[in-house]
C-alpha atoms as a PDB file:
ATOM      1  CA  MET A   1      15.150 -14.080   3.343  1.00  0.00           C
ATOM      2  CA  ILE A   2      12.705 -11.725   1.920  1.00  0.00           C
ATOM      3  CA  LYS A   3       9.945 -13.331  -0.210  1.00  0.00           C
ATOM      4  CA  ILE A   4       8.599 -11.360  -3.053  1.00  0.00           C
ATOM      5  CA  VAL A   5       4.891 -12.583  -3.321  1.00  0.00           C
ATOM      6  CA  ASN A   6       2.742 -11.385  -6.088  1.00  0.00           C
ATOM      7  CA  VAL A   7      -0.807 -10.932  -5.319  1.00  0.00           C
ATOM      8  CA  PRO A   8      -2.688 -10.156  -8.624  1.00  0.00           C
ATOM      9  CA  PHE A   9      -5.956  -9.376  -7.471  1.00  0.00           C
ATOM     10  CA  ASP A  10      -8.034  -6.273  -8.384  1.00  0.00           C
ATOM     11  CA  ASP A  11     -11.674  -7.447  -7.921  1.00  0.00           C
ATOM     12  CA  LYS A  12     -12.304  -4.872  -5.321  1.00  0.00           C
ATOM     13  CA  SER A  13     -11.222  -1.798  -7.443  1.00  0.00           C
ATOM     14  CA  SER A  14     -14.083   0.620  -7.533  1.00  0.00           C
ATOM     15  CA  PHE A  15     -13.119   2.913 -10.543  1.00  0.00           C
ATOM     16  CA  GLN A  16     -10.707   1.101 -12.915  1.00  0.00           C
ATOM     17  CA  LYS A  17      -9.365  -2.447 -13.173  1.00  0.00           C
ATOM     18  CA  GLY A  18      -5.957  -3.106 -14.048  1.00  0.00           C
ATOM     19  CA  ALA A  19      -3.982  -3.348 -10.869  1.00  0.00           C
ATOM     20  CA  LYS A  20      -3.692  -7.084 -11.071  1.00  0.00           C
ATOM     21  CA  GLU A  21      -1.246  -6.706 -14.075  1.00  0.00           C
ATOM     22  CA  ALA A  22       1.136  -4.798 -11.703  1.00  0.00           C
ATOM     23  CA  PRO A  23       3.430  -7.419 -10.173  1.00  0.00           C
ATOM     24  CA  GLU A  24       4.893  -8.728 -13.452  1.00  0.00           C
ATOM     25  CA  LYS A  25       5.473  -5.070 -14.682  1.00  0.00           C
ATOM     26  CA  ILE A  26       7.274  -4.111 -11.556  1.00  0.00           C
ATOM     27  CA  LEU A  27       9.572  -7.237 -11.599  1.00  0.00           C
ATOM     28  CA  LYS A  28      10.273  -6.569 -15.374  1.00  0.00           C
ATOM     29  CA  ALA A  29      11.391  -3.006 -14.613  1.00  0.00           C
ATOM     30  CA  LEU A  30      13.532  -4.348 -11.589  1.00  0.00           C
ATOM     31  CA  TYR A  31      15.496  -6.639 -13.944  1.00  0.00           C
ATOM     32  CA  SER A  32      15.339  -4.435 -16.873  1.00  0.00           C
ATOM     33  CA  GLY A  33      19.001  -3.926 -17.126  1.00  0.00           C
ATOM     34  CA  SER A  34      18.398  -0.026 -16.675  1.00  0.00           C
ATOM     35  CA  MET A  35      18.597  -0.446 -12.961  1.00  0.00           C
ATOM     36  CA  ASN A  36      20.800  -2.446 -10.549  1.00  0.00           C
ATOM     37  CA  LEU A  37      19.597  -4.260  -7.496  1.00  0.00           C
ATOM     38  CA  SER A  38      21.192  -1.937  -4.999  1.00  0.00           C
ATOM     39  CA  ALA A  39      19.376   0.444  -2.697  1.00  0.00           C
ATOM     40  CA  GLU A  40      20.615   4.151  -2.027  1.00  0.00           C
ATOM     41  CA  ASN A  41      22.506   3.089   0.969  1.00  0.00           C
ATOM     42  CA  GLY A  42      24.627   0.538  -1.115  1.00  0.00           C
ATOM     43  CA  ILE A  43      22.949  -2.526   0.050  1.00  0.00           C
ATOM     44  CA  SER A  44      22.490  -5.221  -2.705  1.00  0.00           C
ATOM     45  CA  ILE A  45      19.161  -7.001  -2.349  1.00  0.00           C
ATOM     46  CA  GLU A  46      20.066  -9.492  -4.951  1.00  0.00           C
ATOM     47  CA  ASP A  47      20.985 -12.417  -2.584  1.00  0.00           C
ATOM     48  CA  SER A  48      18.313 -11.542  -0.046  1.00  0.00           C
ATOM     49  CA  ILE A  49      15.144 -12.033  -2.122  1.00  0.00           C
ATOM     50  CA  VAL A  50      13.474 -14.976  -3.472  1.00  0.00           C
ATOM     51  CA  PHE A  51      10.362 -15.002  -5.704  1.00  0.00           C
ATOM     52  CA  THR A  52       7.560 -17.214  -4.602  1.00  0.00           C
ATOM     53  CA  LYS A  53       5.333 -18.993  -7.280  1.00  0.00           C
ATOM     54  CA  THR A  54       2.779 -16.548  -8.674  1.00  0.00           C
ATOM     55  CA  GLU A  55      -0.737 -17.347  -7.608  1.00  0.00           C
ATOM     56  CA  SER A  56      -3.195 -16.570 -10.593  1.00  0.00           C
ATOM     57  CA  ASP A  57      -6.427 -17.905  -8.992  1.00  0.00           C
ATOM     58  CA  LEU A  58      -6.854 -15.724  -5.813  1.00  0.00           C
ATOM     59  CA  GLU A  59     -10.582 -16.147  -5.492  1.00  0.00           C
ATOM     60  CA  SER A  60     -11.046 -14.790  -2.041  1.00  0.00           C
ATOM     61  CA  TYR A  61      -9.531 -12.978   0.827  1.00  0.00           C
ATOM     62  CA  ALA A  62      -9.359 -16.265   2.731  1.00  0.00           C
ATOM     63  CA  TYR A  63      -6.974 -17.674  -0.111  1.00  0.00           C
ATOM     64  CA  ILE A  64      -4.865 -14.627  -0.006  1.00  0.00           C
ATOM     65  CA  GLU A  65      -4.481 -14.867   3.798  1.00  0.00           C
ATOM     66  CA  LYS A  66      -3.752 -18.692   3.729  1.00  0.00           C
ATOM     67  CA  HIS A  67      -1.196 -18.045   0.911  1.00  0.00           C
ATOM     68  CA  ILE A  68       0.549 -15.522   2.989  1.00  0.00           C
ATOM     69  CA  LYS A  69       0.504 -17.599   6.107  1.00  0.00           C
ATOM     70  CA  ASN A  70       2.026 -20.512   4.278  1.00  0.00           C
ATOM     71  CA  GLN A  71       4.952 -18.144   3.114  1.00  0.00           C
ATOM     72  CA  LEU A  72       5.586 -16.701   6.702  1.00  0.00           C
ATOM     73  CA  VAL A  73       7.757 -19.533   7.912  1.00  0.00           C
ATOM     74  CA  GLY A  74      10.907 -19.343  10.160  1.00  0.00           C
ATOM     75  CA  ASP A  75      12.633 -15.909   9.844  1.00  0.00           C
ATOM     76  CA  ASP A  76      11.250 -15.124   6.340  1.00  0.00           C
ATOM     77  CA  LYS A  77       9.689 -11.841   5.692  1.00  0.00           C
ATOM     78  CA  ILE A  78       7.289 -10.934   2.767  1.00  0.00           C
ATOM     79  CA  LEU A  79       6.846  -7.936   0.484  1.00  0.00           C
ATOM     80  CA  SER A  80       3.626  -8.357  -1.388  1.00  0.00           C
ATOM     81  CA  LEU A  81       3.065  -6.910  -4.725  1.00  0.00           C
ATOM     82  CA  GLY A  82      -0.644  -6.019  -5.608  1.00  0.00           C
ATOM     83  CA  GLY A  83      -3.091  -5.777  -6.687  1.00  0.00           C
ATOM     84  CA  ASP A  84      -5.487  -3.260  -5.414  1.00  0.00           C
ATOM     85  CA  HIS A  85      -5.325  -2.082  -1.738  1.00  0.00           C
ATOM     86  CA  SER A  86      -8.053  -4.597  -0.458  1.00  0.00           C
ATOM     87  CA  ILE A  87      -5.364  -7.189  -0.352  1.00  0.00           C
ATOM     88  CA  THR A  88      -3.844  -5.484   2.620  1.00  0.00           C
ATOM     89  CA  PHE A  89      -6.428  -6.881   5.060  1.00  0.00           C
ATOM     90  CA  PRO A  90      -6.090 -10.428   4.575  1.00  0.00           C
ATOM     91  CA  ILE A  91      -2.092  -9.976   4.292  1.00  0.00           C
ATOM     92  CA  VAL A  92      -2.093  -8.008   7.731  1.00  0.00           C
ATOM     93  CA  LYS A  93      -4.415 -10.875   9.222  1.00  0.00           C
ATOM     94  CA  ALA A  94      -1.682 -13.306   8.311  1.00  0.00           C
ATOM     95  CA  HIS A  95       1.070 -11.189   9.909  1.00  0.00           C
ATOM     96  CA  TYR A  96      -0.893 -10.752  13.064  1.00  0.00           C
ATOM     97  CA  GLU A  97      -1.158 -14.503  13.469  1.00  0.00           C
ATOM     98  CA  LYS A  98       2.535 -14.597  13.449  1.00  0.00           C
ATOM     99  CA  TYR A  99       3.741 -11.443  14.910  1.00  0.00           C
ATOM    100  CA  GLY A 100       0.939 -10.394  17.241  1.00  0.00           C
ATOM    101  CA  GLN A 101       1.325  -6.715  18.084  1.00  0.00           C
ATOM    102  CA  PHE A 102       2.765  -4.565  15.544  1.00  0.00           C
ATOM    103  CA  ASP A 103       2.348  -0.899  13.822  1.00  0.00           C
ATOM    104  CA  ILE A 104       1.433  -0.065  10.311  1.00  0.00           C
ATOM    105  CA  LEU A 105       2.827   2.917   8.270  1.00  0.00           C
ATOM    106  CA  HIS A 106       0.324   3.502   5.585  1.00  0.00           C
ATOM    107  CA  ILE A 107       1.451   5.898   2.611  1.00  0.00           C
ATOM    108  CA  ASP A 108      -1.458   6.924   0.527  1.00  0.00           C
ATOM    109  CA  ALA A 109      -3.532   9.639  -1.031  1.00  0.00           C
ATOM    110  CA  HIS A 110      -6.753   7.991   0.552  1.00  0.00           C
ATOM    111  CA  ALA A 111      -7.339   6.929   4.141  1.00  0.00           C
ATOM    112  CA  ASP A 112      -9.153   3.693   2.971  1.00  0.00           C
ATOM    113  CA  LEU A 113     -11.288   3.990   6.152  1.00  0.00           C
ATOM    114  CA  TYR A 114     -14.843   3.718   4.744  1.00  0.00           C
ATOM    115  CA  HIS A 115     -17.002   1.517   6.788  1.00  0.00           C
ATOM    116  CA  GLU A 116     -18.326   0.519   3.293  1.00  0.00           C
ATOM    117  CA  TYR A 117     -17.990   1.711  -0.259  1.00  0.00           C
ATOM    118  CA  ASP A 118     -20.662   1.199  -2.947  1.00  0.00           C
ATOM    119  CA  GLY A 119     -22.217  -1.316  -0.406  1.00  0.00           C
ATOM    120  CA  ASP A 120     -19.020  -3.365  -0.165  1.00  0.00           C
ATOM    121  CA  PRO A 121     -17.405  -3.403   3.247  1.00  0.00           C
ATOM    122  CA  TYR A 122     -14.280  -5.097   1.617  1.00  0.00           C
ATOM    123  CA  SER A 123     -13.712  -2.699  -1.209  1.00  0.00           C
ATOM    124  CA  HIS A 124     -10.109  -1.272  -1.738  1.00  0.00           C
ATOM    125  CA  ALA A 125     -11.571   1.903   0.096  1.00  0.00           C
ATOM    126  CA  CYS A 126     -12.249  -0.172   3.328  1.00  0.00           C
ATOM    127  CA  PRO A 127      -9.242  -2.267   4.346  1.00  0.00           C
ATOM    128  CA  PHE A 128      -7.929  -0.024   7.141  1.00  0.00           C
ATOM    129  CA  ALA A 129     -11.364   0.211   8.792  1.00  0.00           C
ATOM    130  CA  ARG A 130     -11.424  -3.668   8.740  1.00  0.00           C
ATOM    131  CA  ILE A 131      -7.946  -3.850  10.112  1.00  0.00           C
ATOM    132  CA  MET A 132      -8.704  -1.287  13.031  1.00  0.00           C
ATOM    133  CA  GLU A 133     -12.140  -2.972  13.939  1.00  0.00           C
ATOM    134  CA  ASN A 134     -10.393  -6.284  14.220  1.00  0.00           C
ATOM    135  CA  GLY A 135      -7.749  -5.053  16.503  1.00  0.00           C
ATOM    136  CA  LEU A 136      -5.039  -6.325  14.293  1.00  0.00           C
ATOM    137  CA  VAL A 137      -2.377  -3.390  15.008  1.00  0.00           C
ATOM    138  CA  ASN A 138      -1.304  -1.313  17.822  1.00  0.00           C
ATOM    139  CA  ARG A 139      -1.051   1.877  15.912  1.00  0.00           C
ATOM    140  CA  LEU A 140      -1.920   3.116  12.452  1.00  0.00           C
ATOM    141  CA  VAL A 141       0.064   5.992  10.996  1.00  0.00           C
ATOM    142  CA  GLN A 142      -1.147   7.448   7.615  1.00  0.00           C
ATOM    143  CA  VAL A 143       0.836   9.818   5.517  1.00  0.00           C
ATOM    144  CA  GLY A 144       0.149  11.730   2.366  1.00  0.00           C
ATOM    145  CA  ILE A 145      -3.566  11.746   2.831  1.00  0.00           C
ATOM    146  CA  ARG A 146      -5.469  14.477   0.794  1.00  0.00           C
ATOM    147  CA  THR A 147      -8.938  13.227   0.352  1.00  0.00           C
ATOM    148  CA  LEU A 148     -10.657  12.864   3.719  1.00  0.00           C
ATOM    149  CA  ASN A 149     -14.292  13.474   3.930  1.00  0.00           C
ATOM    150  CA  THR A 150     -16.540  13.734   7.029  1.00  0.00           C
ATOM    151  CA  HIS A 151     -17.089   9.975   7.249  1.00  0.00           C
ATOM    152  CA  GLN A 152     -13.470   9.176   7.156  1.00  0.00           C
ATOM    153  CA  ARG A 153     -12.416  11.926   9.466  1.00  0.00           C
ATOM    154  CA  GLU A 154     -15.110  10.348  11.935  1.00  0.00           C
ATOM    155  CA  GLN A 155     -13.532   6.821  11.439  1.00  0.00           C
ATOM    156  CA  ALA A 156     -10.033   8.126  11.834  1.00  0.00           C
ATOM    157  CA  LYS A 157     -11.193   9.604  15.223  1.00  0.00           C
ATOM    158  CA  LYS A 158     -13.063   6.509  16.166  1.00  0.00           C
ATOM    159  CA  PHE A 159     -10.044   4.062  15.480  1.00  0.00           C
ATOM    160  CA  ASN A 160      -7.389   6.684  16.932  1.00  0.00           C
ATOM    161  CA  VAL A 161      -5.694   6.790  13.479  1.00  0.00           C
ATOM    162  CA  GLU A 162      -2.805   9.192  13.270  1.00  0.00           C
ATOM    163  CA  VAL A 163      -3.302  10.965  10.033  1.00  0.00           C
ATOM    164  CA  HIS A 164      -0.602  13.378   8.350  1.00  0.00           C
ATOM    165  CA  GLU A 165      -2.251  15.223   5.713  1.00  0.00           C
ATOM    166  CA  MET A 166      -0.488  16.600   2.637  1.00  0.00           C
ATOM    167  CA  ARG A 167      -2.000  20.117   3.305  1.00  0.00           C
ATOM    168  CA  ASP A 168       0.058  20.466   6.490  1.00  0.00           C
ATOM    169  CA  LEU A 169       2.552  17.751   6.089  1.00  0.00           C
ATOM    170  CA  ASN A 170       5.713  17.812   8.414  1.00  0.00           C
ATOM    171  CA  LEU A 171       7.371  14.589   8.274  1.00  0.00           C
ATOM    172  CA  THR A 172       9.537  15.347  11.080  1.00  0.00           C
ATOM    173  CA  SER A 173       6.543  15.386  13.314  1.00  0.00           C
ATOM    174  CA  LEU A 174       6.260  11.547  13.134  1.00  0.00           C
ATOM    175  CA  SER A 175       6.874  10.084  16.545  1.00  0.00           C
ATOM    176  CA  GLU A 176       9.010   6.948  16.707  1.00  0.00           C
ATOM    177  CA  PHE A 177       7.387   3.542  16.174  1.00  0.00           C
ATOM    178  CA  LYS A 178       7.827   1.365  19.445  1.00  0.00           C
ATOM    179  CA  TYR A 179       6.534  -1.866  17.778  1.00  0.00           C
ATOM    180  CA  PRO A 180       7.678  -3.764  14.844  1.00  0.00           C
ATOM    181  CA  LEU A 181       6.410  -2.079  11.598  1.00  0.00           C
ATOM    182  CA  TYR A 182       4.380  -3.157   8.531  1.00  0.00           C
ATOM    183  CA  ILE A 183       4.537  -0.721   5.577  1.00  0.00           C
ATOM    184  CA  SER A 184       1.633  -0.430   3.115  1.00  0.00           C
ATOM    185  CA  LEU A 185       2.551   1.753  -0.056  1.00  0.00           C
ATOM    186  CA  ASP A 186      -0.125   2.795  -2.414  1.00  0.00           C
ATOM    187  CA  MET A 187       1.520   4.336  -5.408  1.00  0.00           C
ATOM    188  CA  ASP A 188      -1.193   7.017  -5.694  1.00  0.00           C
ATOM    189  CA  ALA A 189       0.463   8.394  -2.538  1.00  0.00           C
ATOM    190  CA  PHE A 190       2.792  10.087  -4.964  1.00  0.00           C
ATOM    191  CA  ASP A 191       1.870  13.139  -7.010  1.00  0.00           C
ATOM    192  CA  PRO A 192       0.583  12.057 -10.484  1.00  0.00           C
ATOM    193  CA  ALA A 193       3.708  13.863 -11.906  1.00  0.00           C
ATOM    194  CA  PHE A 194       5.760  11.215 -10.437  1.00  0.00           C
ATOM    195  CA  ALA A 195       3.375   8.172 -10.729  1.00  0.00           C
ATOM    196  CA  PRO A 196       0.893   8.590 -13.456  1.00  0.00           C
ATOM    197  CA  GLY A 197       0.081   4.885 -13.554  1.00  0.00           C
ATOM    198  CA  VAL A 198      -2.624   4.713 -10.956  1.00  0.00           C
ATOM    199  CA  SER A 199      -6.340   4.444 -11.158  1.00  0.00           C
ATOM    200  CA  HIS A 200      -7.063   7.512  -8.962  1.00  0.00           C
ATOM    201  CA  HIS A 201      -5.124  10.546  -9.763  1.00  0.00           C
ATOM    202  CA  GLU A 202      -5.008  12.907  -6.759  1.00  0.00           C
ATOM    203  CA  PRO A 203      -2.860  16.124  -7.399  1.00  0.00           C
ATOM    204  CA  GLY A 204      -0.851  17.553  -4.608  1.00  0.00           C
ATOM    205  CA  GLY A 205       0.957  14.511  -3.547  1.00  0.00           C
ATOM    206  CA  LEU A 206       4.178  13.241  -2.295  1.00  0.00           C
ATOM    207  CA  THR A 207       7.455  13.505  -4.248  1.00  0.00           C
ATOM    208  CA  THR A 208       9.699  10.462  -4.813  1.00  0.00           C
ATOM    209  CA  ARG A 209      12.310  11.893  -2.525  1.00  0.00           C
ATOM    210  CA  GLN A 210      10.001  12.478   0.335  1.00  0.00           C
ATOM    211  CA  VAL A 211       8.864   8.890   0.417  1.00  0.00           C
ATOM    212  CA  ILE A 212      12.425   7.566  -0.023  1.00  0.00           C
ATOM    213  CA  ASP A 213      13.669   9.719   2.829  1.00  0.00           C
ATOM    214  CA  LEU A 214      10.602   8.502   4.992  1.00  0.00           C
ATOM    215  CA  ILE A 215      11.318   5.122   4.590  1.00  0.00           C
ATOM    216  CA  GLN A 216      15.152   5.542   4.895  1.00  0.00           C
ATOM    217  CA  ASN A 217      14.836   7.254   8.177  1.00  0.00           C
ATOM    218  CA  LEU A 218      12.639   4.650   9.921  1.00  0.00           C
ATOM    219  CA  ASP A 219      14.535   3.222  12.873  1.00  0.00           C
ATOM    220  CA  VAL A 220      12.604   0.172  13.763  1.00  0.00           C
ATOM    221  CA  GLU A 221      12.174  -3.502  12.468  1.00  0.00           C
ATOM    222  CA  ILE A 222      10.306  -3.791   9.224  1.00  0.00           C
ATOM    223  CA  ILE A 223       8.412  -7.095   9.437  1.00  0.00           C
ATOM    224  CA  GLY A 224       6.382  -6.908   6.153  1.00  0.00           C
ATOM    225  CA  ALA A 225       5.236  -4.541   3.425  1.00  0.00           C
ATOM    226  CA  ASP A 226       3.083  -4.267   0.379  1.00  0.00           C
ATOM    227  CA  ILE A 227       3.115  -2.070  -2.724  1.00  0.00           C
ATOM    228  CA  VAL A 228      -0.376  -1.736  -4.312  1.00  0.00           C
ATOM    229  CA  GLU A 229      -2.535   0.235  -6.643  1.00  0.00           C
ATOM    230  CA  TYR A 230      -0.011   0.475  -9.570  1.00  0.00           C
ATOM    231  CA  ASN A 231      -2.155   0.415 -12.752  1.00  0.00           C
ATOM    232  CA  PRO A 232      -0.115  -0.394 -15.871  1.00  0.00           C
ATOM    233  CA  ALA A 233      -2.836   0.632 -17.971  1.00  0.00           C
ATOM    234  CA  ARG A 234      -2.758   4.192 -17.110  1.00  0.00           C
ATOM    235  CA  ASP A 235       1.254   4.408 -17.081  1.00  0.00           C
ATOM    236  CA  VAL A 236       3.336   6.641 -19.200  1.00  0.00           C
ATOM    237  CA  ASN A 237       6.499   5.081 -20.549  1.00  0.00           C
ATOM    238  CA  ASP A 238       6.555   2.544 -17.537  1.00  0.00           C
ATOM    239  CA  MET A 239       7.573   5.568 -15.217  1.00  0.00           C
ATOM    240  CA  THR A 240       5.326   4.171 -12.400  1.00  0.00           C
ATOM    241  CA  ALA A 241       6.622   0.586 -12.964  1.00  0.00           C
ATOM    242  CA  TYR A 242      10.209   1.936 -12.535  1.00  0.00           C
ATOM    243  CA  LEU A 243       9.281   4.084  -9.567  1.00  0.00           C
ATOM    244  CA  ALA A 244       7.509   1.082  -7.757  1.00  0.00           C
ATOM    245  CA  ALA A 245      10.700  -1.075  -8.444  1.00  0.00           C
ATOM    246  CA  LYS A 246      12.858   1.501  -6.765  1.00  0.00           C
ATOM    247  CA  MET A 247      10.516   1.535  -3.858  1.00  0.00           C
ATOM    248  CA  LEU A 248      10.800  -2.260  -3.661  1.00  0.00           C
ATOM    249  CA  LYS A 249      14.437  -2.046  -3.394  1.00  0.00           C
ATOM    250  CA  GLU A 250      14.534   0.620  -0.511  1.00  0.00           C
ATOM    251  CA  ILE A 251      11.836  -1.134   1.389  1.00  0.00           C
ATOM    252  CA  VAL A 252      13.680  -4.603   1.129  1.00  0.00           C
ATOM    253  CA  ALA A 253      16.967  -2.936   2.233  1.00  0.00           C
ATOM    254  CA  LYS A 254      15.254  -1.733   5.371  1.00  0.00           C
ATOM    255  CA  MET A 255      13.544  -5.252   5.990  1.00  0.00           C
ATOM    256  CA  MET A 256      16.977  -6.908   5.700  1.00  0.00           C
END
């Protein structure tokens, strides 16, 4: 069973709040009647997903981590709906305790590798620095990055992160994943033309088709995933909500 876990937490957003409202909007789009519950490969996710109780009082990373641990029972897998990207750190910690060694495919405009941002080491600009320095994953592959500064390039080198930048992107150059995989999808990975409902508009991004093809072509077990940084307050005609709902279907179909 794939559990859909809402994590409405945006306390660590550095620019604009609003991402905590995303889970409800994504699920409303998913069940709006204008789309069905089948992925593009024809697999229906309807009987394979279950919705856990929404937690509205997510006061700390420790609470988020504990909540995810409590849901990771038996063969169940989790797709988390954020929320800002800071939630990925405690979620990955919970997955590490269950699975041990695995890889991460991080799809984003930003590397989120800052040692600290505005004095906060747990900002949504820092989760992958925390993940890597704690040795939680075997390999971190980032796709769609287009905001690397000197500090983050140094961090990527320090942690041996495999960065595929938009300026010379070649998705066929991604080598196969040898360990089970966790997917972290930040909605600002998409070009703003496809996903206007994000706090940080970064032109020159991925197309919807590129991200779908990337996910569909994965040939490895997907043990978990998150979809983060959708900000309904900045959306246009719910475009980004429907895009996030479609990505949910495609990712869940690969997790099944």
